[in-house]
Structure formats: structure tokens, C-alpha cells
Amino acid sequence: MKQQILKITENTALTDSVYRMVLESPELEEHRPGQFVNIRLDGLYLRRPVSVCDSVPGKLTILYKTVGKGTEQMSRMRAGEPLDVLTGLGNGYDLSKAGESPLLLGGGVGVPPLYMLARKLRGQGKAVTVVLGFNTAKEVFGEEAFRALGCSVTVTTADGSRGTKGFVTDALPEEYSYFYTCGPEPMLRAVFRKTKTSGQFSFEERMGCGFGACMGCSCKTVTGYKRICREGPVLEKEEILWED
């Protein structure tokens, strides 16, 4: 973890509520797929955790949805402004278990962290299948970006206004070697029930500090309690315990 002052070089709307922000600094190190950053915003006590969409040395891309005061404030920021960011947080996805035909399942704002994962897997020559889930057609983003990587992409919408009507679990392919997923908890529960291989889940959780000190985001697993911000946000299928 590092506290860094990064410069905003881009902050553009992808949909009515989803924005793409690019942050740069010569000292910025490359992140791993599935890691996140924690952003300090003026006038707000807690930092805002946001998953990393893509990362190379010196540049970091995040996608965020305006759902509250913090993200609404972020949406008004302009290129050239500085941002106080804790970088390199979380454990990230383990690519070594992917096999030759991994499946990536993303729902809503759970889609962004899968992009860098897909890019890395394609760089290893893997045949990557991506299923993206949204509520309506106007919320869809990322489809063409994944296609540009050479992934096989299916879009689902709950109302059927674009792609397959239903949820990501309604568009599971017959064959895949392993899976990675990120999205809201109801989607993750459904993925847990309907997938036939092992896989990795990236969880969203309310966080206080974002680096493991406050214990506020702890969850129970088969091997004991784990902090989503520290030992997570990625957990393997076999260690997950769902609480009713």
C-alpha cells in the first residue's frame, strides 16, 4: 500500500451514471487484476474504495458509478486536478488457475476489474469468454472493450432490452476451465450455485480504513474470519460461507 498524489488526466462519462477516470504519476506502480484503490475526497471522512479497471506503470484507470455524495463529487473533477489515493490494496485474482478457457462473469460495477484480468489472460493466449450483466440497455458498458481484446462476449439485461434476457447465470457456456466473477451479492450467490468448476469471487463490502486495521469488513470463511480489504476482495469458491 502507498499513499500517492495522482493527477487526473481523464474523467469522462460512459453512461448516464458510469464514469472512466485515468490517473497518472511517474511513481505509480502496476497493479494486479482485482486490486483496488481508496480515494480521499475533500469534506468526506471516509475514503471511497474503487476497483482498478486497468493499470500499467505510471497510469491507472478506474470506472465508477455515481451512487452517493463521494462518487458524485468525483464526477465533477477535471483533468489536471490532483487526487489523494491509497494504491495497491487487496489481493487480486490468481491467474495461474485459469486453465485454457476461463470464464469471466461481471455484473454492473463489477465489470471493471475483469477488464485487466481479461487483458492479462489474453496475453497468455487463453480463450476468454466474458458474460456481462446489466439491468437495462442504457446501463451497458465495456462490451466493445472486451471484444477488442479478442474475448467472446455475451451481454445480458434483466429487462431484455439488449442481448440475452435475464442474468449472467442465464448465459453460462457449456464448457469452461475455470471462472472469475465480480458483482452484487445476489449475482455472486447465483454464480456460486450454478457454476460447475472452481473459481474466484471478488466481493464488495463497506470499508472503514481499506487496509485491514479497523476490521470493519471482516467476513466468516471456512478457514476463519478474513478482511475483504486485506485478505480479499478475492476469495476462492471453496472457502466461501454464505450468511442467511
C-alpha atoms as a PDB file:
ATOM      1  CA  MET A   1       0.000   0.000   0.000  1.00  0.00           C
ATOM      2  CA  LYS A   2       1.183   3.516  -0.846  1.00  0.00           C
ATOM      3  CA  GLN A   3      -0.360   6.929  -0.328  1.00  0.00           C
ATOM      4  CA  GLN A   4       0.158   8.887  -3.524  1.00  0.00           C
ATOM      5  CA  ILE A   5      -0.965  12.151  -5.088  1.00  0.00           C
ATOM      6  CA  LEU A   6      -2.059  11.261  -8.612  1.00  0.00           C
ATOM      7  CA  LYS A   7      -3.028  13.610 -11.430  1.00  0.00           C
ATOM      8  CA  ILE A   8      -6.379  13.181 -13.166  1.00  0.00           C
ATOM      9  CA  THR A   9      -5.778  13.099 -16.938  1.00  0.00           C
ATOM     10  CA  GLU A  10      -9.266  11.980 -17.980  1.00  0.00           C
ATOM     11  CA  ASN A  11     -12.728  11.847 -16.398  1.00  0.00           C
ATOM     12  CA  THR A  12     -15.447  11.064 -18.933  1.00  0.00           C
ATOM     13  CA  ALA A  13     -18.970   9.626 -18.805  1.00  0.00           C
ATOM     14  CA  LEU A  14     -19.535   6.167 -20.333  1.00  0.00           C
ATOM     15  CA  THR A  15     -23.257   6.034 -19.443  1.00  0.00           C
ATOM     16  CA  ASP A  16     -25.650   8.286 -17.533  1.00  0.00           C
ATOM     17  CA  SER A  17     -24.025   7.201 -14.263  1.00  0.00           C
ATOM     18  CA  VAL A  18     -20.733   5.392 -15.028  1.00  0.00           C
ATOM     19  CA  TYR A  19     -17.505   7.350 -15.459  1.00  0.00           C
ATOM     20  CA  ARG A  20     -13.996   6.499 -16.613  1.00  0.00           C
ATOM     21  CA  MET A  21     -11.160   8.224 -14.742  1.00  0.00           C
ATOM     22  CA  VAL A  22      -7.488   7.961 -15.679  1.00  0.00           C
ATOM     23  CA  LEU A  23      -4.864   8.785 -13.032  1.00  0.00           C
ATOM     24  CA  GLU A  24      -1.157   9.239 -13.668  1.00  0.00           C
ATOM     25  CA  SER A  25       2.116   9.624 -11.766  1.00  0.00           C
ATOM     26  CA  PRO A  26       5.712   8.671 -12.637  1.00  0.00           C
ATOM     27  CA  GLU A  27       5.909   6.784  -9.308  1.00  0.00           C
ATOM     28  CA  LEU A  28       2.729   4.766  -9.879  1.00  0.00           C
ATOM     29  CA  GLU A  29       3.387   1.013  -9.968  1.00  0.00           C
ATOM     30  CA  GLU A  30       1.391  -1.512 -11.955  1.00  0.00           C
ATOM     31  CA  HIS A  31      -1.476  -3.126 -10.027  1.00  0.00           C
ATOM     32  CA  ARG A  32      -2.656  -6.720 -10.226  1.00  0.00           C
ATOM     33  CA  PRO A  33      -6.072  -7.588 -11.676  1.00  0.00           C
ATOM     34  CA  GLY A  34      -8.666  -7.451  -8.905  1.00  0.00           C
ATOM     35  CA  GLN A  35      -6.879  -4.954  -6.666  1.00  0.00           C
ATOM     36  CA  PHE A  36      -8.471  -1.643  -5.653  1.00  0.00           C
ATOM     37  CA  VAL A  37      -7.597   1.892  -4.593  1.00  0.00           C
ATOM     38  CA  ASN A  38      -9.026   4.066  -1.808  1.00  0.00           C
ATOM     39  CA  ILE A  39      -9.674   7.708  -2.688  1.00  0.00           C
ATOM     40  CA  ARG A  40      -9.709  10.689  -0.320  1.00  0.00           C
ATOM     41  CA  LEU A  41     -12.277  13.377  -1.154  1.00  0.00           C
ATOM     42  CA  ASP A  42     -12.499  16.854   0.342  1.00  0.00           C
ATOM     43  CA  GLY A  43     -15.094  17.184   3.099  1.00  0.00           C
ATOM     44  CA  LEU A  44     -15.711  13.443   3.463  1.00  0.00           C
ATOM     45  CA  TYR A  45     -14.361  11.461   6.412  1.00  0.00           C
ATOM     46  CA  LEU A  46     -14.002   8.005   4.834  1.00  0.00           C
ATOM     47  CA  ARG A  47     -12.114   7.268   1.649  1.00  0.00           C
ATOM     48  CA  ARG A  48     -14.004   5.715  -1.267  1.00  0.00           C
ATOM     49  CA  PRO A  49     -12.797   2.265  -2.427  1.00  0.00           C
ATOM     50  CA  VAL A  50     -12.851   1.764  -6.207  1.00  0.00           C
ATOM     51  CA  SER A  51     -11.690  -1.310  -8.131  1.00  0.00           C
ATOM     52  CA  VAL A  52      -8.896  -0.988 -10.680  1.00  0.00           C
ATOM     53  CA  CYS A  53     -10.063  -1.390 -14.264  1.00  0.00           C
ATOM     54  CA  ASP A  54      -6.617  -1.282 -15.885  1.00  0.00           C
ATOM     55  CA  SER A  55      -3.073  -0.481 -14.859  1.00  0.00           C
ATOM     56  CA  VAL A  56       0.357  -0.042 -16.384  1.00  0.00           C
ATOM     57  CA  PRO A  57       3.405   1.611 -14.794  1.00  0.00           C
ATOM     58  CA  GLY A  58       2.645   5.310 -14.437  1.00  0.00           C
ATOM     59  CA  LYS A  59      -1.069   5.082 -15.288  1.00  0.00           C
ATOM     60  CA  LEU A  60      -4.191   3.740 -13.589  1.00  0.00           C
ATOM     61  CA  THR A  61      -7.749   3.536 -14.920  1.00  0.00           C
ATOM     62  CA  ILE A  62     -10.849   3.249 -12.752  1.00  0.00           C
ATOM     63  CA  LEU A  63     -14.538   3.055 -13.641  1.00  0.00           C
ATOM     64  CA  TYR A  64     -17.041   4.195 -11.033  1.00  0.00           C
ATOM     65  CA  LYS A  65     -20.783   4.699 -10.731  1.00  0.00           C
ATOM     66  CA  THR A  66     -22.321   7.801  -9.192  1.00  0.00           C
ATOM     67  CA  VAL A  67     -24.325   6.399  -6.281  1.00  0.00           C
ATOM     68  CA  GLY A  68     -23.679   8.914  -3.494  1.00  0.00           C
ATOM     69  CA  LYS A  69     -22.018  12.123  -2.394  1.00  0.00           C
ATOM     70  CA  GLY A  70     -18.459  10.863  -2.908  1.00  0.00           C
ATOM     71  CA  THR A  71     -18.799   9.497  -6.426  1.00  0.00           C
ATOM     72  CA  GLU A  72     -20.941  12.468  -7.442  1.00  0.00           C
ATOM     73  CA  GLN A  73     -18.091  14.705  -6.297  1.00  0.00           C
ATOM     74  CA  MET A  74     -15.654  12.623  -8.334  1.00  0.00           C
ATOM     75  CA  SER A  75     -17.793  13.025 -11.453  1.00  0.00           C
ATOM     76  CA  ARG A  76     -17.301  16.828 -11.323  1.00  0.00           C
ATOM     77  CA  MET A  77     -13.495  16.640 -11.221  1.00  0.00           C
ATOM     78  CA  ARG A  78     -11.490  17.797 -14.204  1.00  0.00           C
ATOM     79  CA  ALA A  79      -8.263  16.816 -15.931  1.00  0.00           C
ATOM     80  CA  GLY A  80      -5.263  18.328 -14.187  1.00  0.00           C
ATOM     81  CA  GLU A  81      -6.669  18.095 -10.661  1.00  0.00           C
ATOM     82  CA  PRO A  82      -4.735  16.128  -8.001  1.00  0.00           C
ATOM     83  CA  LEU A  83      -6.225  13.190  -6.112  1.00  0.00           C
ATOM     84  CA  ASP A  84      -5.032  11.637  -2.837  1.00  0.00           C
ATOM     85  CA  VAL A  85      -5.107   7.858  -3.365  1.00  0.00           C
ATOM     86  CA  LEU A  86      -4.084   4.771  -1.389  1.00  0.00           C
ATOM     87  CA  THR A  87      -2.833   2.387  -4.073  1.00  0.00           C
ATOM     88  CA  GLY A  88      -2.033  -1.328  -4.254  1.00  0.00           C
ATOM     89  CA  LEU A  89      -4.831  -2.546  -1.976  1.00  0.00           C
ATOM     90  CA  GLY A  90      -6.295  -6.067  -1.845  1.00  0.00           C
ATOM     91  CA  ASN A  91      -5.017  -9.430  -3.000  1.00  0.00           C
ATOM     92  CA  GLY A  92      -6.266  -9.581  -6.605  1.00  0.00           C
ATOM     93  CA  TYR A  93      -7.085 -12.546  -8.846  1.00  0.00           C
ATOM     94  CA  ASP A  94      -4.810 -15.582  -9.206  1.00  0.00           C
ATOM     95  CA  LEU A  95      -4.312 -16.125 -12.944  1.00  0.00           C
ATOM     96  CA  SER A  96      -2.385 -19.387 -12.505  1.00  0.00           C
ATOM     97  CA  LYS A  97      -5.597 -21.407 -12.078  1.00  0.00           C
ATOM     98  CA  ALA A  98      -7.373 -20.162 -15.209  1.00  0.00           C
ATOM     99  CA  GLY A  99      -6.794 -23.134 -17.487  1.00  0.00           C
ATOM    100  CA  GLU A 100      -7.116 -22.701 -21.250  1.00  0.00           C
ATOM    101  CA  SER A 101     -10.706 -21.411 -21.481  1.00  0.00           C
ATOM    102  CA  PRO A 102     -11.565 -19.221 -18.463  1.00  0.00           C
ATOM    103  CA  LEU A 103     -14.987 -17.640 -17.977  1.00  0.00           C
ATOM    104  CA  LEU A 104     -15.399 -14.090 -16.649  1.00  0.00           C
ATOM    105  CA  LEU A 105     -18.760 -13.045 -15.175  1.00  0.00           C
ATOM    106  CA  GLY A 106     -19.411  -9.399 -14.302  1.00  0.00           C
ATOM    107  CA  GLY A 107     -22.483  -7.549 -13.122  1.00  0.00           C
ATOM    108  CA  GLY A 108     -22.858  -3.750 -13.252  1.00  0.00           C
ATOM    109  CA  VAL A 109     -19.948  -2.025 -11.495  1.00  0.00           C
ATOM    110  CA  GLY A 110     -18.461  -5.497 -11.018  1.00  0.00           C
ATOM    111  CA  VAL A 111     -17.458  -5.386 -14.696  1.00  0.00           C
ATOM    112  CA  PRO A 112     -14.424  -3.018 -14.495  1.00  0.00           C
ATOM    113  CA  PRO A 113     -11.986  -5.240 -12.521  1.00  0.00           C
ATOM    114  CA  LEU A 114     -12.497  -8.009 -15.088  1.00  0.00           C
ATOM    115  CA  TYR A 115     -11.030  -5.915 -17.909  1.00  0.00           C
ATOM    116  CA  MET A 116      -7.408  -6.049 -16.792  1.00  0.00           C
ATOM    117  CA  LEU A 117      -7.880  -9.709 -15.900  1.00  0.00           C
ATOM    118  CA  ALA A 118      -9.115 -10.410 -19.428  1.00  0.00           C
ATOM    119  CA  ARG A 119      -6.222  -8.452 -20.941  1.00  0.00           C
ATOM    120  CA  LYS A 120      -3.674 -10.449 -18.945  1.00  0.00           C
ATOM    121  CA  LEU A 121      -5.325 -13.786 -19.739  1.00  0.00           C
ATOM    122  CA  ARG A 122      -5.491 -12.963 -23.445  1.00  0.00           C
ATOM    123  CA  GLY A 123      -1.798 -12.054 -23.265  1.00  0.00           C
ATOM    124  CA  GLN A 124      -1.186 -15.618 -22.084  1.00  0.00           C
ATOM    125  CA  GLY A 125      -3.055 -16.967 -25.102  1.00  0.00           C
ATOM    126  CA  LYS A 126      -6.168 -18.045 -23.187  1.00  0.00           C
ATOM    127  CA  ALA A 127      -9.558 -18.347 -24.913  1.00  0.00           C
ATOM    128  CA  VAL A 128     -11.541 -15.959 -22.701  1.00  0.00           C
ATOM    129  CA  THR A 129     -15.342 -15.903 -22.546  1.00  0.00           C
ATOM    130  CA  VAL A 130     -16.972 -12.877 -20.910  1.00  0.00           C
ATOM    131  CA  VAL A 131     -20.593 -12.550 -19.768  1.00  0.00           C
ATOM    132  CA  LEU A 132     -21.681  -9.059 -18.717  1.00  0.00           C
ATOM    133  CA  GLY A 133     -24.912  -8.432 -16.820  1.00  0.00           C
ATOM    134  CA  PHE A 134     -26.920  -5.196 -16.545  1.00  0.00           C
ATOM    135  CA  ASN A 135     -30.481  -4.159 -15.742  1.00  0.00           C
ATOM    136  CA  THR A 136     -31.230  -2.294 -18.985  1.00  0.00           C
ATOM    137  CA  ALA A 137     -29.604  -1.460 -22.325  1.00  0.00           C
ATOM    138  CA  LYS A 138     -28.803   2.118 -21.253  1.00  0.00           C
ATOM    139  CA  GLU A 139     -26.568   0.777 -18.455  1.00  0.00           C
ATOM    140  CA  VAL A 140     -24.378  -1.384 -20.727  1.00  0.00           C
ATOM    141  CA  PHE A 141     -20.689  -0.528 -20.957  1.00  0.00           C
ATOM    142  CA  GLY A 142     -17.460  -2.377 -21.667  1.00  0.00           C
ATOM    143  CA  GLU A 143     -18.751  -4.744 -24.356  1.00  0.00           C
ATOM    144  CA  GLU A 144     -16.599  -3.380 -27.189  1.00  0.00           C
ATOM    145  CA  ALA A 145     -13.541  -3.041 -24.938  1.00  0.00           C
ATOM    146  CA  PHE A 146     -13.635  -6.776 -24.165  1.00  0.00           C
ATOM    147  CA  ARG A 147     -14.249  -7.637 -27.821  1.00  0.00           C
ATOM    148  CA  ALA A 148     -11.208  -5.564 -28.780  1.00  0.00           C
ATOM    149  CA  LEU A 149      -9.109  -7.863 -26.578  1.00  0.00           C
ATOM    150  CA  GLY A 150     -10.321 -10.858 -28.576  1.00  0.00           C
ATOM    151  CA  CYS A 151     -12.751 -12.172 -25.961  1.00  0.00           C
ATOM    152  CA  SER A 152     -16.034 -13.896 -26.741  1.00  0.00           C
ATOM    153  CA  VAL A 153     -18.623 -11.558 -25.205  1.00  0.00           C
ATOM    154  CA  THR A 154     -22.270 -12.027 -24.238  1.00  0.00           C
ATOM    155  CA  VAL A 155     -24.396  -9.231 -22.765  1.00  0.00           C
ATOM    156  CA  THR A 156     -27.439  -9.929 -20.602  1.00  0.00           C
ATOM    157  CA  THR A 157     -30.064  -7.451 -19.417  1.00  0.00           C
ATOM    158  CA  ALA A 158     -32.721  -8.133 -16.809  1.00  0.00           C
ATOM    159  CA  ASP A 159     -35.440  -6.477 -18.919  1.00  0.00           C
ATOM    160  CA  GLY A 160     -34.305  -7.994 -22.224  1.00  0.00           C
ATOM    161  CA  SER A 161     -33.660  -4.609 -23.850  1.00  0.00           C
ATOM    162  CA  ARG A 162     -30.253  -5.776 -25.078  1.00  0.00           C
ATOM    163  CA  GLY A 163     -28.596  -9.142 -25.572  1.00  0.00           C
ATOM    164  CA  THR A 164     -29.887 -12.152 -23.649  1.00  0.00           C
ATOM    165  CA  LYS A 165     -32.849 -11.520 -21.369  1.00  0.00           C
ATOM    166  CA  GLY A 166     -32.054 -12.466 -17.793  1.00  0.00           C
ATOM    167  CA  PHE A 167     -28.902 -12.607 -15.689  1.00  0.00           C
ATOM    168  CA  VAL A 168     -25.317 -13.736 -16.230  1.00  0.00           C
ATOM    169  CA  THR A 169     -26.232 -17.203 -14.985  1.00  0.00           C
ATOM    170  CA  ASP A 170     -28.738 -17.469 -17.859  1.00  0.00           C
ATOM    171  CA  ALA A 171     -25.883 -17.216 -20.355  1.00  0.00           C
ATOM    172  CA  LEU A 172     -23.327 -19.638 -18.939  1.00  0.00           C
ATOM    173  CA  PRO A 173     -21.457 -21.502 -21.691  1.00  0.00           C
ATOM    174  CA  GLU A 174     -21.445 -25.280 -21.741  1.00  0.00           C
ATOM    175  CA  GLU A 175     -17.694 -25.570 -21.340  1.00  0.00           C
ATOM    176  CA  TYR A 176     -15.120 -23.504 -19.428  1.00  0.00           C
ATOM    177  CA  SER A 177     -11.993 -24.407 -17.480  1.00  0.00           C
ATOM    178  CA  TYR A 178     -12.380 -22.006 -14.535  1.00  0.00           C
ATOM    179  CA  PHE A 179     -14.259 -18.817 -13.699  1.00  0.00           C
ATOM    180  CA  TYR A 180     -13.736 -15.365 -12.219  1.00  0.00           C
ATOM    181  CA  THR A 181     -16.586 -13.134 -11.109  1.00  0.00           C
ATOM    182  CA  CYS A 182     -17.388  -9.755  -9.595  1.00  0.00           C
ATOM    183  CA  GLY A 183     -20.732  -8.111  -8.946  1.00  0.00           C
ATOM    184  CA  PRO A 184     -23.526  -7.581  -6.427  1.00  0.00           C
ATOM    185  CA  GLU A 185     -24.019 -10.287  -3.804  1.00  0.00           C
ATOM    186  CA  PRO A 186     -27.273 -11.741  -5.239  1.00  0.00           C
ATOM    187  CA  MET A 187     -25.442 -12.320  -8.521  1.00  0.00           C
ATOM    188  CA  LEU A 188     -22.463 -13.892  -6.740  1.00  0.00           C
ATOM    189  CA  ARG A 189     -24.752 -16.247  -4.837  1.00  0.00           C
ATOM    190  CA  ALA A 190     -26.370 -17.349  -8.097  1.00  0.00           C
ATOM    191  CA  VAL A 191     -22.973 -17.841  -9.733  1.00  0.00           C
ATOM    192  CA  PHE A 192     -21.869 -19.926  -6.750  1.00  0.00           C
ATOM    193  CA  ARG A 193     -24.881 -22.225  -7.167  1.00  0.00           C
ATOM    194  CA  LYS A 194     -24.821 -22.613 -10.941  1.00  0.00           C
ATOM    195  CA  THR A 195     -21.144 -22.846 -11.884  1.00  0.00           C
ATOM    196  CA  LYS A 196     -19.635 -26.312 -12.289  1.00  0.00           C
ATOM    197  CA  THR A 197     -15.935 -25.575 -11.723  1.00  0.00           C
ATOM    198  CA  SER A 198     -13.847 -23.880  -9.076  1.00  0.00           C
ATOM    199  CA  GLY A 199     -13.499 -20.128  -9.331  1.00  0.00           C
ATOM    200  CA  GLN A 200     -12.709 -16.816  -7.677  1.00  0.00           C
ATOM    201  CA  PHE A 201     -15.168 -14.221  -6.358  1.00  0.00           C
ATOM    202  CA  SER A 202     -14.420 -10.537  -5.843  1.00  0.00           C
ATOM    203  CA  PHE A 203     -16.597  -9.094  -3.068  1.00  0.00           C
ATOM    204  CA  GLU A 204     -17.831  -5.593  -2.411  1.00  0.00           C
ATOM    205  CA  GLU A 205     -18.042  -4.556   1.230  1.00  0.00           C
ATOM    206  CA  ARG A 206     -18.330  -1.335   3.229  1.00  0.00           C
ATOM    207  CA  MET A 207     -14.849  -0.390   4.389  1.00  0.00           C
ATOM    208  CA  GLY A 208     -13.536   1.918   7.042  1.00  0.00           C
ATOM    209  CA  CYS A 209      -9.780   2.104   6.534  1.00  0.00           C
ATOM    210  CA  GLY A 210      -9.374  -0.049   3.418  1.00  0.00           C
ATOM    211  CA  PHE A 211      -6.124  -1.691   4.540  1.00  0.00           C
ATOM    212  CA  GLY A 212      -7.051  -4.075   7.362  1.00  0.00           C
ATOM    213  CA  ALA A 213      -6.663  -2.001  10.512  1.00  0.00           C
ATOM    214  CA  CYS A 214     -10.279  -1.403  11.532  1.00  0.00           C
ATOM    215  CA  MET A 215     -11.614  -4.956  10.929  1.00  0.00           C
ATOM    216  CA  GLY A 216     -14.906  -3.430   9.754  1.00  0.00           C
ATOM    217  CA  CYS A 217     -15.151  -5.500   6.576  1.00  0.00           C
ATOM    218  CA  SER A 218     -14.446  -8.928   8.103  1.00  0.00           C
ATOM    219  CA  CYS A 219     -16.420 -11.924   6.860  1.00  0.00           C
ATOM    220  CA  LYS A 220     -16.503 -15.543   8.000  1.00  0.00           C
ATOM    221  CA  THR A 221     -14.942 -18.199   5.759  1.00  0.00           C
ATOM    222  CA  VAL A 222     -14.289 -21.923   6.163  1.00  0.00           C
ATOM    223  CA  THR A 223     -10.805 -21.065   7.451  1.00  0.00           C
ATOM    224  CA  GLY A 224     -11.912 -18.301   9.822  1.00  0.00           C
ATOM    225  CA  TYR A 225     -12.559 -14.592   9.508  1.00  0.00           C
ATOM    226  CA  LYS A 226     -10.970 -12.672   6.645  1.00  0.00           C
ATOM    227  CA  ARG A 227     -10.886  -8.954   5.905  1.00  0.00           C
ATOM    228  CA  ILE A 228     -12.308  -8.129   2.470  1.00  0.00           C
ATOM    229  CA  CYS A 229      -9.892  -5.210   2.133  1.00  0.00           C
ATOM    230  CA  ARG A 230      -6.803  -7.186   3.115  1.00  0.00           C
ATOM    231  CA  GLU A 231      -7.154 -10.959   2.559  1.00  0.00           C
ATOM    232  CA  GLY A 232      -9.805 -10.155  -0.067  1.00  0.00           C
ATOM    233  CA  PRO A 233     -11.539  -8.794  -2.002  1.00  0.00           C
ATOM    234  CA  VAL A 234     -10.949 -12.021  -3.950  1.00  0.00           C
ATOM    235  CA  LEU A 235     -11.935 -15.296  -2.277  1.00  0.00           C
ATOM    236  CA  GLU A 236     -11.954 -18.789  -3.760  1.00  0.00           C
ATOM    237  CA  LYS A 237     -15.235 -20.635  -4.179  1.00  0.00           C
ATOM    238  CA  GLU A 238     -14.263 -23.391  -1.756  1.00  0.00           C
ATOM    239  CA  GLU A 239     -13.678 -21.016   1.176  1.00  0.00           C
ATOM    240  CA  ILE A 240     -16.905 -19.006   0.931  1.00  0.00           C
ATOM    241  CA  LEU A 241     -19.615 -19.292   3.582  1.00  0.00           C
ATOM    242  CA  TRP A 242     -22.876 -17.532   2.742  1.00  0.00           C
ATOM    243  CA  GLU A 243     -24.710 -15.954   5.661  1.00  0.00           C
ATOM    244  CA  ASP A 244     -28.502 -16.024   5.505  1.00  0.00           C
END
